[in-house]
Amino acid sequence: MLAAFIAATIIILPITFLKYFDSFAAFSFNYGALLALIPIHLYSGKRDRSSTPLKKEINRWFFYVYYPLHMMIIFIAQIQ
């Protein structure tokens, strides 16, 4: 998996840079997609068993509130 990441970085990045040389946003989006391979590679396939039930409940509700809230903030910031 690491070899595939390195090969993709060496091969794909120059090609996408040449294709989208006028758009840094498109280039950085493609590079970000390649960077996503790092945490995927590091994932062991096992769930976290060290959390307490209270911590899991707090995390769950935090993300239920956080995700829509930060999306609304980004949307409002783009309007202005």
Protein backbone atom coordinates (compact mmCIF):
# COMPACT_ATOMS: atom_id res chain seq x y z
CA MET A 1 0.00 0.00 0.00
CA LEU A 2 2.83 2.39 0.81
CA ALA A 3 4.52 1.55 -2.48
CA ALA A 4 1.26 2.28 -4.30
CA PHE A 5 1.03 5.65 -2.55
CA ILE A 6 4.58 6.57 -3.50
CA ALA A 7 4.08 5.42 -7.09
CA ALA A 8 0.81 7.34 -7.37
CA THR A 9 2.48 10.44 -5.98
CA ILE A 10 5.38 10.24 -8.41
CA ILE A 11 3.23 9.42 -11.45
CA ILE A 12 -0.11 11.13 -10.87
CA LEU A 13 0.95 14.43 -9.32
CA PRO A 14 3.02 15.71 -12.24
CA ILE A 15 0.31 14.67 -14.69
CA THR A 16 -2.43 16.44 -12.75
CA PHE A 17 -0.25 19.48 -12.26
CA LEU A 18 0.36 19.77 -15.99
CA LYS A 19 -3.30 19.18 -16.76
CA TYR A 20 -4.54 21.73 -14.21
CA PHE A 21 -1.61 24.14 -14.13
CA ASP A 22 -4.01 27.10 -14.21
CA SER A 23 -6.10 25.84 -11.29
CA PHE A 24 -4.33 25.26 -8.00
CA ALA A 25 -7.65 24.23 -6.40
CA ALA A 26 -8.04 21.29 -8.78
CA PHE A 27 -4.43 20.30 -8.27
CA SER A 28 -4.67 20.46 -4.47
CA PHE A 29 -7.93 18.48 -4.53
CA ASN A 30 -6.20 15.64 -6.39
CA TYR A 31 -3.26 15.75 -4.00
CA GLY A 32 -5.64 15.68 -1.03
CA ALA A 33 -7.24 12.55 -2.44
CA LEU A 34 -3.82 10.91 -2.53
CA LEU A 35 -3.09 12.02 1.03
CA ALA A 36 -6.24 10.20 2.16
CA LEU A 37 -4.40 6.95 1.48
CA ILE A 38 -2.19 7.52 4.53
CA PRO A 39 -4.88 7.08 7.24
CA ILE A 40 -6.47 4.32 5.18
CA HIS A 41 -3.15 2.49 5.20
CA LEU A 42 -2.70 3.03 8.94
CA TYR A 43 -6.17 1.70 9.84
CA SER A 44 -5.85 -1.67 11.56
CA GLY A 45 -9.42 -2.82 10.96
CA LYS A 46 -10.23 -2.98 14.68
CA ARG A 47 -12.71 -0.80 16.53
CA ASP A 48 -11.60 1.27 19.48
CA ARG A 49 -12.46 -0.68 22.66
CA SER A 50 -10.72 1.68 25.09
CA SER A 51 -13.53 4.26 25.23
CA THR A 52 -16.05 4.32 28.03
CA PRO A 53 -19.78 4.35 27.20
CA LEU A 54 -20.03 7.96 28.42
CA LYS A 55 -17.15 9.05 26.19
CA LYS A 56 -18.75 7.31 23.19
CA GLU A 57 -22.07 9.05 23.88
CA ILE A 58 -20.41 12.47 24.21
CA ASN A 59 -18.44 11.93 20.99
CA ARG A 60 -21.55 10.82 19.15
CA TRP A 61 -23.59 13.87 20.12
CA PHE A 62 -20.65 16.22 19.57
CA PHE A 63 -20.38 15.15 15.95
CA TYR A 64 -24.18 15.15 15.45
CA VAL A 65 -24.10 18.84 16.40
CA TYR A 66 -20.68 19.85 15.07
CA TYR A 67 -21.01 18.68 11.47
CA PRO A 68 -24.24 20.49 10.53
CA LEU A 69 -23.19 23.55 12.54
CA HIS A 70 -19.83 23.99 10.83
CA MET A 71 -21.44 23.39 7.42
CA MET A 72 -23.92 26.19 8.13
CA ILE A 73 -21.08 28.50 9.20
CA ILE A 74 -19.17 27.77 5.99
CA PHE A 75 -22.32 28.36 3.93
CA ILE A 76 -23.01 31.68 5.65
CA ALA A 77 -19.39 32.76 5.21
CA GLN A 78 -19.58 32.05 1.47
CA ILE A 79 -22.73 34.14 1.07
CA GLN A 80 -21.13 37.25 2.54
